[in-house]
Amino acid sequence: MLCSLGLGFLGAQIVIISTYRGAGKTKTAMNLSIIYAIEQTLLCALGAIFLGLNGIWIAYLLSNTLIVLISWTYFKKNPVTKSVI
């Protein structure tokens, strides 16, 4: 069940990051993807240490939620107004 909740947030993250890629702002998309990879790795490691297997699934949901909040906040402050290319 936790995985299915996280997939909704993952879809929103893909849309936001793909918006930047499509506009030619690939460094921004890359930076958001790197932040996501680092945060997911750290949260899953901490979840595994403290809560075991259930902690990994909880961390997956939290990391997807957190990256959507980060991406959405960045998108609101730096909207894609026109294409670079």
PDB file of N, CA and C in Angstrom:
ATOM      1  N   MET A   1       0.815  -1.186   0.000  1.00  0.00           N
ATOM      2  CA  MET A   1       0.000   0.000   0.000  1.00  0.00           C
ATOM      3  C   MET A   1       0.863   1.255   0.000  1.00  0.00           C
ATOM      4  N   LEU A   2       1.933   1.244   0.775  1.00  0.00           N
ATOM      5  CA  LEU A   2       2.792   2.423   0.815  1.00  0.00           C
ATOM      6  C   LEU A   2       3.418   2.713  -0.541  1.00  0.00           C
ATOM      7  N   CYS A   3       3.763   1.668  -1.260  1.00  0.00           N
ATOM      8  CA  CYS A   3       4.365   1.835  -2.582  1.00  0.00           C
ATOM      9  C   CYS A   3       3.387   2.515  -3.529  1.00  0.00           C
ATOM     10  N   SER A   4       2.117   2.138  -3.470  1.00  0.00           N
ATOM     11  CA  SER A   4       1.130   2.731  -4.371  1.00  0.00           C
ATOM     12  C   SER A   4       0.932   4.214  -4.061  1.00  0.00           C
ATOM     13  N   LEU A   5       1.012   4.615  -2.821  1.00  0.00           N
ATOM     14  CA  LEU A   5       0.911   6.038  -2.479  1.00  0.00           C
ATOM     15  C   LEU A   5       2.108   6.810  -3.020  1.00  0.00           C
ATOM     16  N   GLY A   6       3.273   6.208  -2.934  1.00  0.00           N
ATOM     17  CA  GLY A   6       4.485   6.866  -3.412  1.00  0.00           C
ATOM     18  C   GLY A   6       4.523   7.031  -4.919  1.00  0.00           C
ATOM     19  N   LEU A   7       3.866   6.134  -5.643  1.00  0.00           N
ATOM     20  CA  LEU A   7       3.892   6.209  -7.100  1.00  0.00           C
ATOM     21  C   LEU A   7       3.158   7.442  -7.624  1.00  0.00           C
ATOM     22  N   GLY A   8       2.141   7.900  -6.927  1.00  0.00           N
ATOM     23  CA  GLY A   8       1.458   9.132  -7.326  1.00  0.00           C
ATOM     24  C   GLY A   8       2.391  10.328  -7.244  1.00  0.00           C
ATOM     25  N   PHE A   9       3.167  10.384  -6.189  1.00  0.00           N
ATOM     26  CA  PHE A   9       4.134  11.463  -6.042  1.00  0.00           C
ATOM     27  C   PHE A   9       5.266  11.330  -7.060  1.00  0.00           C
ATOM     28  N   LEU A  10       5.646  10.103  -7.354  1.00  0.00           N
ATOM     29  CA  LEU A  10       6.685   9.873  -8.350  1.00  0.00           C
ATOM     30  C   LEU A  10       6.243  10.378  -9.719  1.00  0.00           C
ATOM     31  N   GLY A  11       4.983  10.171 -10.057  1.00  0.00           N
ATOM     32  CA  GLY A  11       4.460  10.672 -11.323  1.00  0.00           C
ATOM     33  C   GLY A  11       4.513  12.191 -11.400  1.00  0.00           C
ATOM     34  N   ALA A  12       4.161  12.858 -10.313  1.00  0.00           N
ATOM     35  CA  ALA A  12       4.231  14.324 -10.285  1.00  0.00           C
ATOM     36  C   ALA A  12       5.668  14.798 -10.431  1.00  0.00           C
ATOM     37  N   GLN A  13       6.596  14.105  -9.808  1.00  0.00           N
ATOM     38  CA  GLN A  13       8.009  14.472  -9.913  1.00  0.00           C
ATOM     39  C   GLN A  13       8.502  14.318 -11.341  1.00  0.00           C
ATOM     40  N   ILE A  14       8.107  13.260 -12.007  1.00  0.00           N
ATOM     41  CA  ILE A  14       8.525  13.037 -13.386  1.00  0.00           C
ATOM     42  C   ILE A  14       8.003  14.151 -14.289  1.00  0.00           C
ATOM     43  N   VAL A  15       6.764  14.574 -14.074  1.00  0.00           N
ATOM     44  CA  VAL A  15       6.186  15.655 -14.884  1.00  0.00           C
ATOM     45  C   VAL A  15       6.964  16.948 -14.688  1.00  0.00           C
ATOM     46  N   ILE A  16       7.268  17.308 -13.452  1.00  0.00           N
ATOM     47  CA  ILE A  16       7.974  18.567 -13.186  1.00  0.00           C
ATOM     48  C   ILE A  16       9.384  18.531 -13.772  1.00  0.00           C
ATOM     49  N   ILE A  17      10.109  17.452 -13.545  1.00  0.00           N
ATOM     50  CA  ILE A  17      11.475  17.362 -14.056  1.00  0.00           C
ATOM     51  C   ILE A  17      11.477  17.304 -15.587  1.00  0.00           C
ATOM     52  N   SER A  18      10.505  16.608 -16.168  1.00  0.00           N
ATOM     53  CA  SER A  18      10.427  16.540 -17.632  1.00  0.00           C
ATOM     54  C   SER A  18      10.089  17.891 -18.243  1.00  0.00           C
ATOM     55  N   THR A  19       9.386  18.729 -17.512  1.00  0.00           N
ATOM     56  CA  THR A  19       9.105  20.081 -17.987  1.00  0.00           C
ATOM     57  C   THR A  19      10.398  20.855 -18.171  1.00  0.00           C
ATOM     58  N   TYR A  20      11.288  20.734 -17.217  1.00  0.00           N
ATOM     59  CA  TYR A  20      12.581  21.407 -17.337  1.00  0.00           C
ATOM     60  C   TYR A  20      13.417  20.800 -18.467  1.00  0.00           C
ATOM     61  N   ARG A  21      13.387  19.490 -18.602  1.00  0.00           N
ATOM     62  CA  ARG A  21      14.131  18.854 -19.698  1.00  0.00           C
ATOM     63  C   ARG A  21      13.606  19.308 -21.051  1.00  0.00           C
ATOM     64  N   GLY A  22      12.298  19.338 -21.188  1.00  0.00           N
ATOM     65  CA  GLY A  22      11.689  19.735 -22.447  1.00  0.00           C
ATOM     66  C   GLY A  22      11.962  21.179 -22.811  1.00  0.00           C
ATOM     67  N   ALA A  23      12.160  22.016 -21.804  1.00  0.00           N
ATOM     68  CA  ALA A  23      12.442  23.432 -22.047  1.00  0.00           C
ATOM     69  C   ALA A  23      13.923  23.672 -22.303  1.00  0.00           C
ATOM     70  N   GLY A  24      14.728  22.620 -22.227  1.00  0.00           N
ATOM     71  CA  GLY A  24      16.154  22.764 -22.481  1.00  0.00           C
ATOM     72  C   GLY A  24      16.967  23.101 -21.242  1.00  0.00           C
ATOM     73  N   LYS A  25      16.338  23.117 -20.086  1.00  0.00           N
ATOM     74  CA  LYS A  25      17.046  23.407 -18.835  1.00  0.00           C
ATOM     75  C   LYS A  25      17.451  22.088 -18.186  1.00  0.00           C
ATOM     76  N   THR A  26      18.384  21.424 -18.843  1.00  0.00           N
ATOM     77  CA  THR A  26      18.756  20.082 -18.412  1.00  0.00           C
ATOM     78  C   THR A  26      19.582  20.072 -17.140  1.00  0.00           C
ATOM     79  N   LYS A  27      20.308  21.139 -16.851  1.00  0.00           N
ATOM     80  CA  LYS A  27      21.073  21.183 -15.599  1.00  0.00           C
ATOM     81  C   LYS A  27      20.138  21.207 -14.397  1.00  0.00           C
ATOM     82  N   THR A  28      19.051  21.940 -14.515  1.00  0.00           N
ATOM     83  CA  THR A  28      18.068  21.971 -13.436  1.00  0.00           C
ATOM     84  C   THR A  28      17.451  20.596 -13.234  1.00  0.00           C
ATOM     85  N   ALA A  29      17.075  19.952 -14.329  1.00  0.00           N
ATOM     86  CA  ALA A  29      16.499  18.606 -14.247  1.00  0.00           C
ATOM     87  C   ALA A  29      17.502  17.630 -13.646  1.00  0.00           C
ATOM     88  N   MET A  30      18.762  17.742 -14.049  1.00  0.00           N
ATOM     89  CA  MET A  30      19.795  16.860 -13.523  1.00  0.00           C
ATOM     90  C   MET A  30      19.988  17.086 -12.024  1.00  0.00           C
ATOM     91  N   ASN A  31      20.020  18.342 -11.610  1.00  0.00           N
ATOM     92  CA  ASN A  31      20.206  18.649 -10.190  1.00  0.00           C
ATOM     93  C   ASN A  31      19.055  18.102  -9.348  1.00  0.00           C
ATOM     94  N   LEU A  32      17.826  18.255  -9.832  1.00  0.00           N
ATOM     95  CA  LEU A  32      16.686  17.710  -9.092  1.00  0.00           C
ATOM     96  C   LEU A  32      16.734  16.187  -9.041  1.00  0.00           C
ATOM     97  N   SER A  33      17.189  15.558 -10.109  1.00  0.00           N
ATOM     98  CA  SER A  33      17.305  14.099 -10.124  1.00  0.00           C
ATOM     99  C   SER A  33      18.394  13.613  -9.169  1.00  0.00           C
ATOM    100  N   ILE A  34      19.489  14.352  -9.103  1.00  0.00           N
ATOM    101  CA  ILE A  34      20.573  13.987  -8.176  1.00  0.00           C
ATOM    102  C   ILE A  34      20.117  14.151  -6.732  1.00  0.00           C
ATOM    103  N   ILE A  35      19.414  15.232  -6.452  1.00  0.00           N
ATOM    104  CA  ILE A  35      18.870  15.442  -5.103  1.00  0.00           C
ATOM    105  C   ILE A  35      17.956  14.282  -4.730  1.00  0.00           C
ATOM    106  N   TYR A  36      17.122  13.863  -5.674  1.00  0.00           N
ATOM    107  CA  TYR A  36      16.206  12.747  -5.426  1.00  0.00           C
ATOM    108  C   TYR A  36      16.975  11.459  -5.131  1.00  0.00           C
ATOM    109  N   ALA A  37      17.986  11.170  -5.918  1.00  0.00           N
ATOM    110  CA  ALA A  37      18.754   9.934  -5.728  1.00  0.00           C
ATOM    111  C   ALA A  37      19.462   9.925  -4.374  1.00  0.00           C
ATOM    112  N   ILE A  38      20.050  11.040  -4.001  1.00  0.00           N
ATOM    113  CA  ILE A  38      20.757  11.126  -2.720  1.00  0.00           C
ATOM    114  C   ILE A  38      19.786  11.011  -1.558  1.00  0.00           C
ATOM    115  N   GLU A  39      18.692  11.762  -1.642  1.00  0.00           N
ATOM    116  CA  GLU A  39      17.734  11.739  -0.534  1.00  0.00           C
ATOM    117  C   GLU A  39      17.094  10.360  -0.393  1.00  0.00           C
ATOM    118  N   GLN A  40      16.779   9.706  -1.507  1.00  0.00           N
ATOM    119  CA  GLN A  40      16.164   8.387  -1.432  1.00  0.00           C
ATOM    120  C   GLN A  40      17.127   7.360  -0.845  1.00  0.00           C
ATOM    121  N   THR A  41      18.380   7.434  -1.235  1.00  0.00           N
ATOM    122  CA  THR A  41      19.374   6.509  -0.706  1.00  0.00           C
ATOM    123  C   THR A  41      19.541   6.682   0.805  1.00  0.00           C
ATOM    124  N   LEU A  42      19.653   7.940   1.232  1.00  0.00           N
ATOM    125  CA  LEU A  42      19.826   8.196   2.666  1.00  0.00           C
ATOM    126  C   LEU A  42      18.601   7.792   3.475  1.00  0.00           C
ATOM    127  N   LEU A  43      17.424   8.150   3.000  1.00  0.00           N
ATOM    128  CA  LEU A  43      16.220   7.801   3.745  1.00  0.00           C
ATOM    129  C   LEU A  43      15.996   6.297   3.795  1.00  0.00           C
ATOM    130  N   CYS A  44      16.272   5.604   2.693  1.00  0.00           N
ATOM    131  CA  CYS A  44      16.107   4.148   2.692  1.00  0.00           C
ATOM    132  C   CYS A  44      17.119   3.467   3.616  1.00  0.00           C
ATOM    133  N   ALA A  45      18.334   3.990   3.639  1.00  0.00           N
ATOM    134  CA  ALA A  45      19.342   3.424   4.544  1.00  0.00           C
ATOM    135  C   ALA A  45      18.932   3.634   5.996  1.00  0.00           C
ATOM    136  N   LEU A  46      18.487   4.835   6.319  1.00  0.00           N
ATOM    137  CA  LEU A  46      18.039   5.100   7.689  1.00  0.00           C
ATOM    138  C   LEU A  46      16.806   4.286   8.039  1.00  0.00           C
ATOM    139  N   GLY A  47      15.885   4.175   7.093  1.00  0.00           N
ATOM    140  CA  GLY A  47      14.685   3.371   7.339  1.00  0.00           C
ATOM    141  C   GLY A  47      15.019   1.914   7.582  1.00  0.00           C
ATOM    142  N   ALA A  48      15.971   1.390   6.810  1.00  0.00           N
ATOM    143  CA  ALA A  48      16.368  -0.011   6.984  1.00  0.00           C
ATOM    144  C   ALA A  48      17.041  -0.228   8.330  1.00  0.00           C
ATOM    145  N   ILE A  49      17.853   0.725   8.736  1.00  0.00           N
ATOM    146  CA  ILE A  49      18.568   0.589  10.008  1.00  0.00           C
ATOM    147  C   ILE A  49      17.601   0.610  11.181  1.00  0.00           C
ATOM    148  N   PHE A  50      16.663   1.548  11.160  1.00  0.00           N
ATOM    149  CA  PHE A  50      15.805   1.739  12.333  1.00  0.00           C
ATOM    150  C   PHE A  50      14.501   0.938  12.304  1.00  0.00           C
ATOM    151  N   LEU A  51      13.962   0.672  11.119  1.00  0.00           N
ATOM    152  CA  LEU A  51      12.664   0.009  11.060  1.00  0.00           C
ATOM    153  C   LEU A  51      12.657  -1.271  10.235  1.00  0.00           C
ATOM    154  N   GLY A  52      13.796  -1.642   9.686  1.00  0.00           N
ATOM    155  CA  GLY A  52      13.862  -2.862   8.883  1.00  0.00           C
ATOM    156  C   GLY A  52      13.224  -2.679   7.516  1.00  0.00           C
ATOM    157  N   LEU A  53      12.613  -3.744   7.024  1.00  0.00           N
ATOM    158  CA  LEU A  53      12.019  -3.728   5.692  1.00  0.00           C
ATOM    159  C   LEU A  53      10.886  -2.708   5.575  1.00  0.00           C
ATOM    160  N   ASN A  54      10.069  -2.592   6.593  1.00  0.00           N
ATOM    161  CA  ASN A  54       8.997  -1.597   6.564  1.00  0.00           C
ATOM    162  C   ASN A  54       9.550  -0.176   6.485  1.00  0.00           C
ATOM    163  N   GLY A  55      10.702   0.038   7.077  1.00  0.00           N
ATOM    164  CA  GLY A  55      11.335   1.350   7.020  1.00  0.00           C
ATOM    165  C   GLY A  55      11.746   1.741   5.618  1.00  0.00           C
ATOM    166  N   ILE A  56      12.108   0.758   4.811  1.00  0.00           N
ATOM    167  CA  ILE A  56      12.471   1.044   3.419  1.00  0.00           C
ATOM    168  C   ILE A  56      11.250   1.530   2.653  1.00  0.00           C
ATOM    169  N   TRP A  57      10.116   0.874   2.850  1.00  0.00           N
ATOM    170  CA  TRP A  57       8.902   1.289   2.145  1.00  0.00           C
ATOM    171  C   TRP A  57       8.404   2.643   2.629  1.00  0.00           C
ATOM    172  N   ILE A  58       8.521   2.894   3.910  1.00  0.00           N
ATOM    173  CA  ILE A  58       8.148   4.211   4.433  1.00  0.00           C
ATOM    174  C   ILE A  58       9.078   5.276   3.884  1.00  0.00           C
ATOM    175  N   ALA A  59      10.363   4.973   3.806  1.00  0.00           N
ATOM    176  CA  ALA A  59      11.339   5.919   3.261  1.00  0.00           C
ATOM    177  C   ALA A  59      11.077   6.188   1.786  1.00  0.00           C
ATOM    178  N   TYR A  60      10.640   5.182   1.054  1.00  0.00           N
ATOM    179  CA  TYR A  60      10.303   5.362  -0.362  1.00  0.00           C
ATOM    180  C   TYR A  60       9.164   6.376  -0.509  1.00  0.00           C
ATOM    181  N   LEU A  61       8.133   6.229   0.302  1.00  0.00           N
ATOM    182  CA  LEU A  61       7.016   7.173   0.281  1.00  0.00           C
ATOM    183  C   LEU A  61       7.474   8.565   0.682  1.00  0.00           C
ATOM    184  N   LEU A  62       8.266   8.660   1.730  1.00  0.00           N
ATOM    185  CA  LEU A  62       8.747   9.962   2.189  1.00  0.00           C
ATOM    186  C   LEU A  62       9.661  10.636   1.170  1.00  0.00           C
ATOM    187  N   SER A  63      10.523   9.862   0.531  1.00  0.00           N
ATOM    188  CA  SER A  63      11.438  10.461  -0.444  1.00  0.00           C
ATOM    189  C   SER A  63      10.681  10.967  -1.668  1.00  0.00           C
ATOM    190  N   ASN A  64       9.673  10.237  -2.110  1.00  0.00           N
ATOM    191  CA  ASN A  64       8.870  10.706  -3.238  1.00  0.00           C
ATOM    192  C   ASN A  64       8.083  11.962  -2.872  1.00  0.00           C
ATOM    193  N   THR A  65       7.537  11.994  -1.667  1.00  0.00           N
ATOM    194  CA  THR A  65       6.806  13.171  -1.219  1.00  0.00           C
ATOM    195  C   THR A  65       7.731  14.374  -1.097  1.00  0.00           C
ATOM    196  N   LEU A  66       8.891  14.164  -0.523  1.00  0.00           N
ATOM    197  CA  LEU A  66       9.834  15.253  -0.318  1.00  0.00           C
ATOM    198  C   LEU A  66      10.350  15.823  -1.638  1.00  0.00           C
ATOM    199  N   ILE A  67      10.652  14.977  -2.618  1.00  0.00           N
ATOM    200  CA  ILE A  67      11.167  15.490  -3.888  1.00  0.00           C
ATOM    201  C   ILE A  67      10.085  16.248  -4.641  1.00  0.00           C
ATOM    202  N   VAL A  68       8.833  15.846  -4.497  1.00  0.00           N
ATOM    203  CA  VAL A  68       7.756  16.613  -5.137  1.00  0.00           C
ATOM    204  C   VAL A  68       7.646  17.988  -4.499  1.00  0.00           C
ATOM    205  N   LEU A  69       7.769  18.058  -3.191  1.00  0.00           N
ATOM    206  CA  LEU A  69       7.720  19.354  -2.517  1.00  0.00           C
ATOM    207  C   LEU A  69       8.894  20.238  -2.934  1.00  0.00           C
ATOM    208  N   ILE A  70      10.074  19.660  -3.028  1.00  0.00           N
ATOM    209  CA  ILE A  70      11.254  20.415  -3.456  1.00  0.00           C
ATOM    210  C   ILE A  70      11.104  20.864  -4.905  1.00  0.00           C
ATOM    211  N   SER A  71      10.696  19.956  -5.784  1.00  0.00           N
ATOM    212  CA  SER A  71      10.550  20.277  -7.203  1.00  0.00           C
ATOM    213  C   SER A  71       9.459  21.311  -7.424  1.00  0.00           C
ATOM    214  N   TRP A  72       8.339  21.164  -6.736  1.00  0.00           N
ATOM    215  CA  TRP A  72       7.228  22.095  -6.896  1.00  0.00           C
ATOM    216  C   TRP A  72       7.604  23.482  -6.381  1.00  0.00           C
ATOM    217  N   THR A  73       8.301  23.543  -5.269  1.00  0.00           N
ATOM    218  CA  THR A  73       8.750  24.829  -4.734  1.00  0.00           C
ATOM    219  C   THR A  73       9.707  25.500  -5.700  1.00  0.00           C
ATOM    220  N   TYR A  74      10.637  24.740  -6.246  1.00  0.00           N
ATOM    221  CA  TYR A  74      11.574  25.301  -7.215  1.00  0.00           C
ATOM    222  C   TYR A  74      10.839  25.755  -8.475  1.00  0.00           C
ATOM    223  N   PHE A  75       9.872  24.958  -8.915  1.00  0.00           N
ATOM    224  CA  PHE A  75       9.105  25.295 -10.114  1.00  0.00           C
ATOM    225  C   PHE A  75       8.302  26.575  -9.912  1.00  0.00           C
ATOM    226  N   LYS A  76       7.752  26.777  -8.728  1.00  0.00           N
ATOM    227  CA  LYS A  76       6.978  27.989  -8.455  1.00  0.00           C
ATOM    228  C   LYS A  76       7.881  29.226  -8.416  1.00  0.00           C
ATOM    229  N   LYS A  77       9.106  29.068  -7.925  1.00  0.00           N
ATOM    230  CA  LYS A  77      10.040  30.197  -7.858  1.00  0.00           C
ATOM    231  C   LYS A  77      10.716  30.463  -9.201  1.00  0.00           C
ATOM    232  N   ASN A  78      10.931  29.416  -9.993  1.00  0.00           N
ATOM    233  CA  ASN A  78      11.603  29.534 -11.290  1.00  0.00           C
ATOM    234  C   ASN A  78      10.774  28.855 -12.374  1.00  0.00           C
ATOM    235  N   PRO A  79       9.657  29.444 -12.761  1.00  0.00           N
ATOM    236  CA  PRO A  79       8.807  28.776 -13.757  1.00  0.00           C
ATOM    237  C   PRO A  79       9.462  28.749 -15.132  1.00  0.00           C
ATOM    238  N   VAL A  80       9.042  27.808 -15.926  1.00  0.00           N
ATOM    239  CA  VAL A  80       9.510  27.704 -17.297  1.00  0.00           C
ATOM    240  C   VAL A  80       8.628  28.632 -18.132  1.00  0.00           C
ATOM    241  N   THR A  81       9.168  29.785 -18.505  1.00  0.00           N
ATOM    242  CA  THR A  81       8.380  30.746 -19.264  1.00  0.00           C
ATOM    243  C   THR A  81       8.560  30.580 -20.759  1.00  0.00           C
ATOM    244  N   LYS A  82       9.756  30.210 -21.170  1.00  0.00           N
ATOM    245  CA  LYS A  82       9.989  29.974 -22.586  1.00  0.00           C
ATOM    246  C   LYS A  82      11.127  28.960 -22.741  1.00  0.00           C
ATOM    247  N   SER A  83      11.168  28.393 -23.906  1.00  0.00           N
ATOM    248  CA  SER A  83      12.192  27.390 -24.190  1.00  0.00           C
ATOM    249  C   SER A  83      13.535  28.040 -24.427  1.00  0.00           C
ATOM    250  N   VAL A  84      14.589  27.368 -24.001  1.00  0.00           N
ATOM    251  CA  VAL A  84      15.940  27.855 -24.219  1.00  0.00           C
ATOM    252  C   VAL A  84      16.377  27.589 -25.652  1.00  0.00           C
ATOM    253  N   ILE A  85      15.904  26.500 -26.204  1.00  0.00           N
ATOM    254  CA  ILE A  85      16.308  26.089 -27.555  1.00  0.00           C
ATOM    255  C   ILE A  85      15.477  26.807 -28.593  1.00  0.00           C
TER     256      ILE A  85
END
